[in-house]
Amino acid sequence: MSDKIHVQRVSSFGKADWRAVRSNGAPLFEIRLQISSMLNGSHYFVIGPRGEVVRHGTFNFDTWDYPEIAQILTAIVTAVVPGSEVDVELDAPQQASGT
């Protein structure tokens, strides 16, 4: 049976800091994204439970939108935990409402 891993944003601001947790809520690691518009200029860092970088690399993308974010995070998690089932929690931006 594969691991079920949920990925969620660490902060309500920005899309660079993420946390991967097991289905029982146990934290696995955090993911930090550094986004660049240059080809292969974007980097990711997987941060272990003791604050150490356990994996890092580069990635590129066509359009930085929610489906692309989910695809990149899923690829990072499955590289660290092969065979895992990944669920990425993407919150759509809140719309301001006028009164």
Protein backbone atom coordinates (compact mmCIF):
# COMPACT_ATOMS: atom_id res chain seq x y z
CA MET A 1 0.00 0.00 0.00
CA SER A 2 1.40 3.42 -0.93
CA ASP A 3 1.85 6.31 1.45
CA LYS A 4 -0.79 9.02 1.25
CA ILE A 5 0.87 12.41 1.57
CA HIS A 6 -0.91 15.73 1.86
CA VAL A 7 0.93 18.91 0.83
CA GLN A 8 -0.26 22.22 2.23
CA ARG A 9 0.94 25.79 2.32
CA VAL A 10 2.88 26.79 5.41
CA SER A 11 1.78 30.42 5.17
CA SER A 12 -1.36 32.04 3.84
CA PHE A 13 0.89 34.49 1.96
CA GLY A 14 2.79 33.45 -1.14
CA LYS A 15 3.29 30.09 -2.80
CA ALA A 16 6.90 29.30 -1.82
CA ASP A 17 6.63 27.46 1.51
CA TRP A 18 4.93 24.05 1.72
CA ARG A 19 4.66 21.20 4.22
CA ALA A 20 4.24 17.50 3.42
CA VAL A 21 2.40 15.42 6.03
CA ARG A 22 1.31 11.78 6.17
CA SER A 23 -2.40 10.95 6.14
CA ASN A 24 -2.27 10.57 9.94
CA GLY A 25 -1.01 14.18 10.27
CA ALA A 26 2.62 13.32 11.01
CA PRO A 27 4.91 15.89 9.37
CA LEU A 28 7.45 14.55 6.85
CA PHE A 29 9.32 17.56 5.51
CA GLU A 30 8.94 21.09 4.20
CA ILE A 31 9.50 22.31 0.67
CA ARG A 32 10.85 25.75 -0.19
CA LEU A 33 10.52 27.05 -3.74
CA GLN A 34 12.62 29.84 -5.22
CA ILE A 35 10.91 30.97 -8.41
CA SER A 36 12.78 32.50 -11.35
CA SER A 37 11.63 33.37 -14.85
CA MET A 38 14.97 32.16 -16.25
CA LEU A 39 15.16 28.63 -17.67
CA ASN A 40 16.39 26.25 -14.93
CA GLY A 41 16.65 29.24 -12.60
CA SER A 42 13.97 28.02 -10.18
CA HIS A 43 15.15 25.91 -7.26
CA TYR A 44 13.52 23.68 -4.67
CA PHE A 45 14.78 22.61 -1.26
CA VAL A 46 13.39 19.75 0.80
CA ILE A 47 13.93 20.52 4.49
CA GLY A 48 14.02 17.60 6.92
CA PRO A 49 12.62 17.53 10.46
CA ARG A 50 15.88 18.80 11.98
CA GLY A 51 16.09 21.73 9.56
CA GLU A 52 18.62 20.10 7.23
CA VAL A 53 18.37 20.19 3.43
CA VAL A 54 17.79 16.56 2.42
CA ARG A 55 17.27 17.17 -1.29
CA HIS A 56 17.50 20.09 -3.68
CA GLY A 57 17.33 20.73 -7.38
CA THR A 58 16.07 22.94 -10.17
CA PHE A 59 12.85 22.99 -12.15
CA ASN A 60 11.26 25.01 -14.91
CA PHE A 61 7.68 25.78 -15.83
CA ASP A 62 5.60 27.30 -18.60
CA THR A 63 3.03 29.25 -16.59
CA TRP A 64 3.17 29.65 -12.81
CA ASP A 65 -0.44 28.75 -12.04
CA TYR A 66 -2.17 26.37 -9.63
CA PRO A 67 -2.07 23.26 -11.85
CA GLU A 68 1.66 23.81 -12.47
CA ILE A 69 2.33 24.29 -8.76
CA ALA A 70 0.52 21.04 -7.97
CA GLN A 71 2.45 19.18 -10.66
CA ILE A 72 5.83 20.43 -9.42
CA LEU A 73 5.06 19.70 -5.76
CA THR A 74 3.79 16.22 -6.66
CA ALA A 75 6.99 15.52 -8.61
CA ILE A 76 9.15 16.66 -5.68
CA VAL A 77 7.24 14.56 -3.13
CA THR A 78 7.26 11.42 -5.29
CA ALA A 79 11.01 11.84 -5.85
CA VAL A 80 11.54 11.88 -2.08
CA VAL A 81 8.90 9.21 -1.27
CA PRO A 82 8.63 6.98 -4.37
CA GLY A 83 5.24 5.37 -4.94
CA SER A 84 3.40 7.80 -2.71
CA GLU A 85 -0.08 9.13 -3.44
CA VAL A 86 0.09 12.92 -3.26
CA ASP A 87 -2.72 15.38 -2.56
CA VAL A 88 -1.79 19.06 -2.96
CA GLU A 89 -4.02 21.55 -1.16
CA LEU A 90 -4.27 24.64 -3.35
CA ASP A 91 -6.25 27.55 -2.01
CA ALA A 92 -7.58 29.83 -4.69
CA PRO A 93 -6.82 33.50 -4.05
CA GLN A 94 -9.45 35.30 -2.01
CA GLN A 95 -11.44 37.90 -3.91
CA ALA A 96 -11.94 41.24 -2.21
CA SER A 97 -15.57 42.13 -1.78
CA GLY A 98 -16.78 45.70 -1.91
CA THR A 99 -19.45 47.07 0.33
